[in-house]
Amino acid sequence: MTTRIRQAVILAGGRGERLRPLTDSLPKPMVPVNGRPFLEYLVDLLKRNGIAEIVLLLGYLPDMIMDHFGDGADFGVKIRYSVGTVEDETATRVRNARDMLDDVFLLMYCDNYWPLDLADMERHYRRSGLLGMMTVYNNADGKGEYGFRNNVELDAEGRVLAYGPTPGSAAIQGVDIGFFILNRETVALLPSHNCSIQNDLLPRLIEKGQLAAYRTDRHYHTITTPGLLKNIERILGGRGGSSLSGRGARRFLIVGLA
């Protein structure tokens, strides 16, 4: 008998170089969107999808995040932390947290917002019988972060055949948006050196035929640049503090930021 996914793991340790100067003094997940740290929107999204525990993988200015979110009680979830160095790559952060991971968990980046339907995503994952699944935006309208540039090639059964831009290839069918479901066994595939999700874990899963795709036409939005940050403020304008109940509806005041 399978159990529902109840744990989300969020990669939130990078410097956020493309958001400077905002990230000179703030970790990227704490950048304000309509007066609230962006990470609050993700926590709210996960809570609505039945996630009970969130593991934050931190590196850059971790105390600001931990001081704000604490153990998660004010936000209606349990929050735990794995703190590494700023230099740690994404897969290294996951490997360092392996003792905290559920058998199957949702893995996310801290800078993308997408209208997650975890129940449907999990059904697709269970049917695939594979170790991992990435969410792929079909990008028929070119509204991906890089326009019509895609980076995922799929076979007829929905497995990922290749990841990364391939100029001139008509087989590149969508773009990865940073929402994954992974079995904890995937950690054993990682090398011992500093390694990343994109360059190390995904290619190994693809090589073994163990990476499924969950395809979606639902737009995703990101805070990776100042221009995209302004766009997501409009998108999430109707999802302000009222979407969080009780003490979780915190306001976050940033002084001296344009």
Protein backbone atom coordinates (compact mmCIF):
# COMPACT_ATOMS: atom_id res chain seq x y z
CA MET A 1 0.00 0.00 0.00
CA THR A 2 1.39 3.41 -0.96
CA THR A 3 1.16 6.46 1.27
CA ARG A 4 0.57 10.04 0.24
CA ILE A 5 3.50 12.37 -0.19
CA ARG A 6 3.62 14.49 2.93
CA GLN A 7 7.11 16.01 2.68
CA ALA A 8 8.48 18.78 0.47
CA VAL A 9 12.19 19.56 0.20
CA ILE A 10 13.09 23.06 -1.01
CA LEU A 11 16.48 24.04 -2.41
CA ALA A 12 17.04 27.48 -0.92
CA GLY A 13 20.79 27.92 -0.45
CA GLY A 14 22.05 29.85 -3.47
CA ARG A 15 23.19 33.46 -3.62
CA GLY A 16 20.54 34.63 -6.13
CA GLU A 17 23.11 36.50 -8.21
CA ARG A 18 20.63 37.58 -10.90
CA LEU A 19 18.50 39.34 -8.26
CA ARG A 20 21.28 41.59 -7.00
CA PRO A 21 21.28 44.10 -5.33
CA LEU A 22 18.22 42.70 -3.51
CA THR A 23 20.15 39.56 -2.61
CA ASP A 24 23.22 41.41 -1.38
CA SER A 25 21.54 41.48 2.03
CA LEU A 26 18.73 38.93 1.63
CA PRO A 27 18.61 35.25 0.74
CA LYS A 28 16.57 34.80 -2.44
CA PRO A 29 13.58 33.07 -0.77
CA MET A 30 13.17 36.10 1.52
CA VAL A 31 12.89 38.64 -1.32
CA PRO A 32 9.58 40.43 -0.76
CA VAL A 33 6.63 39.92 -3.08
CA ASN A 34 3.75 42.23 -2.20
CA GLY A 35 5.28 42.74 1.24
CA ARG A 36 5.79 39.06 2.06
CA PRO A 37 8.85 36.83 1.58
CA PHE A 38 8.37 34.80 -1.58
CA LEU A 39 8.95 31.61 0.38
CA GLU A 40 5.71 32.24 2.31
CA TYR A 41 3.76 31.77 -0.93
CA LEU A 42 5.45 28.41 -1.48
CA VAL A 43 4.75 27.30 2.08
CA ASP A 44 1.10 28.25 1.63
CA LEU A 45 0.95 26.39 -1.70
CA LEU A 46 2.39 23.26 -0.11
CA LYS A 47 0.08 23.44 2.88
CA ARG A 48 -2.95 23.60 0.56
CA ASN A 49 -1.66 20.46 -1.15
CA GLY A 50 -1.52 18.47 2.08
CA ILE A 51 2.20 18.78 2.78
CA ALA A 52 2.81 18.41 6.51
CA GLU A 53 6.61 18.79 6.64
CA ILE A 54 9.01 21.01 4.74
CA VAL A 55 12.78 20.54 4.75
CA LEU A 56 14.65 23.70 3.76
CA LEU A 57 18.13 23.19 2.31
CA LEU A 58 20.01 26.37 3.17
CA GLY A 59 23.41 27.90 2.55
CA TYR A 60 23.39 31.68 1.95
CA LEU A 61 22.29 33.80 4.94
CA PRO A 62 20.44 30.88 6.54
CA ASP A 63 19.70 32.61 9.86
CA MET A 64 17.32 35.09 8.20
CA ILE A 65 15.18 32.22 6.92
CA MET A 66 15.31 30.20 10.14
CA ASP A 67 14.51 33.22 12.31
CA HIS A 68 11.46 34.06 10.20
CA PHE A 69 9.97 30.58 9.77
CA GLY A 70 11.14 28.87 12.96
CA ASP A 71 9.74 25.37 13.37
CA GLY A 72 6.84 26.20 11.03
CA ALA A 73 4.16 26.21 13.72
CA ASP A 74 3.09 29.76 12.88
CA PHE A 75 2.57 28.65 9.28
CA GLY A 76 0.66 25.46 9.96
CA VAL A 77 3.43 23.05 8.91
CA LYS A 78 6.52 21.44 10.40
CA ILE A 79 9.77 22.94 9.10
CA ARG A 80 13.23 21.42 9.48
CA TYR A 81 16.56 22.69 8.18
CA SER A 82 19.69 21.30 6.60
CA VAL A 83 22.36 24.01 6.51
CA GLY A 84 25.40 23.68 4.29
CA THR A 85 27.85 26.11 2.72
CA VAL A 86 27.14 28.66 0.01
CA GLU A 87 29.41 26.67 -2.32
CA ASP A 88 27.32 23.47 -2.05
CA GLU A 89 25.66 22.49 -5.31
CA THR A 90 21.98 21.51 -5.37
CA ALA A 91 22.43 17.72 -5.32
CA THR A 92 25.04 18.01 -2.56
CA ARG A 93 22.41 19.78 -0.45
CA VAL A 94 19.98 16.89 -1.03
CA ARG A 95 22.68 14.29 -0.27
CA ASN A 96 23.58 16.08 2.98
CA ALA A 97 19.93 15.89 4.08
CA ARG A 98 19.42 12.21 3.20
CA ASP A 99 18.72 11.17 6.80
CA MET A 100 15.83 13.64 6.90
CA LEU A 101 14.15 12.48 3.69
CA ASP A 102 10.93 10.48 3.43
CA ASP A 103 10.88 7.43 1.16
CA VAL A 104 9.21 9.59 -1.53
CA PHE A 105 9.24 13.38 -1.44
CA LEU A 106 8.53 16.49 -3.48
CA LEU A 107 11.66 18.46 -4.43
CA MET A 108 11.39 22.11 -5.44
CA TYR A 109 13.49 25.14 -6.20
CA CYS A 110 12.86 28.18 -4.03
CA ASP A 111 12.34 30.64 -6.90
CA ASN A 112 9.51 29.14 -8.99
CA TYR A 113 5.76 29.32 -8.38
CA TRP A 114 3.44 26.94 -10.20
CA PRO A 115 -0.21 26.04 -9.39
CA LEU A 116 0.71 22.66 -7.97
CA ASP A 117 -1.78 19.77 -7.98
CA LEU A 118 0.22 17.31 -5.92
CA ALA A 119 -2.47 14.61 -5.85
CA ASP A 120 -2.59 14.40 -9.65
CA MET A 121 1.18 14.63 -9.89
CA GLU A 122 1.61 11.80 -7.40
CA ARG A 123 -0.88 9.57 -9.26
CA HIS A 124 1.18 10.00 -12.41
CA TYR A 125 4.38 9.25 -10.51
CA ARG A 126 3.01 6.07 -8.93
CA ARG A 127 1.76 4.82 -12.31
CA SER A 128 5.20 5.36 -13.86
CA GLY A 129 6.90 3.01 -11.40
CA LEU A 130 10.13 5.00 -11.81
CA LEU A 131 12.50 6.50 -9.26
CA GLY A 132 12.00 10.10 -10.34
CA MET A 133 9.65 12.46 -12.15
CA MET A 134 10.16 16.02 -13.36
CA THR A 135 7.43 18.51 -14.20
CA VAL A 136 7.67 19.68 -17.80
CA TYR A 137 5.91 22.80 -19.04
CA ASN A 138 4.83 22.16 -22.64
CA ASN A 139 5.69 25.76 -23.60
CA ALA A 140 3.56 25.82 -26.74
CA ASP A 141 3.07 29.57 -26.24
CA GLY A 142 6.73 30.40 -25.59
CA LYS A 143 5.97 31.75 -22.12
CA GLY A 144 8.77 29.79 -20.49
CA GLU A 145 11.48 31.75 -18.72
CA TYR A 146 13.63 31.73 -21.89
CA GLY A 147 10.89 32.09 -24.49
CA PHE A 148 10.60 29.13 -26.86
CA ARG A 149 13.93 27.63 -25.75
CA ASN A 150 13.18 24.19 -24.30
CA ASN A 151 15.40 21.64 -22.54
CA VAL A 152 13.56 18.31 -22.22
CA GLU A 153 13.24 15.51 -24.78
CA LEU A 154 10.61 12.81 -24.16
CA ASP A 155 9.75 9.45 -25.64
CA ALA A 156 6.24 8.28 -26.56
CA GLU A 157 5.73 6.76 -23.09
CA GLY A 158 6.57 10.01 -21.32
CA ARG A 159 10.05 9.13 -20.10
CA VAL A 160 12.77 11.75 -20.27
CA LEU A 161 15.33 10.86 -22.96
CA ALA A 162 17.55 13.94 -22.75
CA TYR A 163 17.89 17.05 -20.64
CA GLY A 164 19.57 20.27 -21.71
CA PRO A 165 19.30 22.53 -24.75
CA THR A 166 19.88 20.84 -28.10
CA PRO A 167 19.99 23.48 -30.86
CA GLY A 168 17.91 22.58 -33.89
CA SER A 169 16.34 19.47 -32.40
CA ALA A 170 12.59 19.23 -32.97
CA ALA A 171 12.49 16.52 -30.29
CA ILE A 172 13.02 19.01 -27.46
CA GLN A 173 9.45 19.22 -26.25
CA GLY A 174 9.25 21.32 -23.11
CA VAL A 175 11.01 23.01 -20.22
CA ASP A 176 11.77 21.74 -16.72
CA ILE A 177 10.15 23.99 -14.10
CA GLY A 178 11.82 22.71 -10.94
CA PHE A 179 9.10 20.54 -9.36
CA PHE A 180 10.19 16.90 -8.93
CA ILE A 181 8.99 13.79 -7.16
CA LEU A 182 11.89 11.60 -6.09
CA ASN A 183 12.40 8.32 -4.32
CA ARG A 184 15.05 8.56 -1.59
CA GLU A 185 16.96 5.80 -3.41
CA THR A 186 18.01 8.43 -5.96
CA VAL A 187 20.48 9.82 -3.39
CA ALA A 188 22.56 6.65 -3.78
CA LEU A 189 23.12 7.60 -7.44
CA LEU A 190 24.95 10.78 -6.52
CA PRO A 191 28.76 11.02 -6.70
CA SER A 192 30.71 11.87 -3.56
CA HIS A 193 31.99 15.19 -4.90
CA ASN A 194 30.10 18.50 -4.98
CA CYS A 195 27.30 17.83 -7.49
CA SER A 196 24.13 19.31 -8.92
CA ILE A 197 20.62 18.15 -9.77
CA GLN A 198 20.96 19.31 -13.38
CA ASN A 199 24.44 18.01 -14.18
CA ASP A 200 24.62 14.88 -12.07
CA LEU A 201 21.33 13.48 -10.76
CA LEU A 202 19.07 14.00 -13.78
CA PRO A 203 21.56 12.57 -16.33
CA ARG A 204 22.03 9.46 -14.15
CA LEU A 205 18.29 8.90 -13.86
CA ILE A 206 17.89 9.37 -17.62
CA GLU A 207 20.73 6.94 -18.33
CA LYS A 208 18.96 4.31 -16.23
CA GLY A 209 15.55 5.03 -17.81
CA GLN A 210 14.26 6.10 -14.41
CA LEU A 211 12.96 9.63 -15.03
CA ALA A 212 9.32 10.21 -15.96
CA ALA A 213 7.77 13.49 -17.09
CA TYR A 214 4.65 15.13 -15.76
CA ARG A 215 3.51 17.42 -18.55
CA THR A 216 1.55 20.60 -17.94
CA ASP A 217 0.16 23.58 -19.82
CA ARG A 218 -0.27 25.56 -16.60
CA HIS A 219 2.05 28.55 -16.55
CA TYR A 220 4.83 28.80 -13.98
CA HIS A 221 6.33 32.05 -12.70
CA THR A 222 9.75 32.83 -11.28
CA ILE A 223 11.54 35.53 -9.28
CA THR A 224 14.99 34.96 -10.79
CA THR A 225 15.39 38.50 -12.21
CA PRO A 226 14.04 41.93 -11.18
CA GLY A 227 11.78 42.02 -14.25
CA LEU A 228 10.31 38.60 -13.51
CA LEU A 229 9.92 39.58 -9.87
CA LYS A 230 7.66 42.48 -10.87
CA ASN A 231 5.60 40.10 -13.01
CA ILE A 232 5.09 37.62 -10.18
CA GLU A 233 3.96 40.44 -7.90
CA ARG A 234 1.06 40.98 -10.30
CA ILE A 235 0.37 37.25 -10.59
CA LEU A 236 0.32 36.68 -6.83
CA GLY A 237 -1.38 39.96 -6.00
CA GLY A 238 -4.61 38.14 -5.25
CA ARG A 239 -2.85 35.57 -3.08
CA GLY A 240 -1.75 37.92 -0.32
CA GLY A 241 -1.79 37.51 3.45
CA SER A 242 -5.45 36.44 3.50
CA SER A 243 -4.50 33.08 1.98
CA LEU A 244 -2.62 32.20 5.15
CA SER A 245 -4.64 31.65 8.29
CA GLY A 246 -3.88 32.80 11.81
CA ARG A 247 -0.40 33.88 12.82
CA GLY A 248 1.04 32.56 9.57
CA ALA A 249 -0.15 35.66 7.72
CA ARG A 250 2.97 37.63 8.58
CA ARG A 251 4.05 40.82 6.90
CA PHE A 252 7.73 41.22 6.16
CA LEU A 253 9.11 44.75 6.17
CA ILE A 254 12.21 45.44 4.09
CA VAL A 255 13.78 48.81 4.70
CA GLY A 256 15.94 50.55 2.13
CA LEU A 257 15.15 48.38 -0.88
CA ALA A 258 13.85 49.90 -4.08
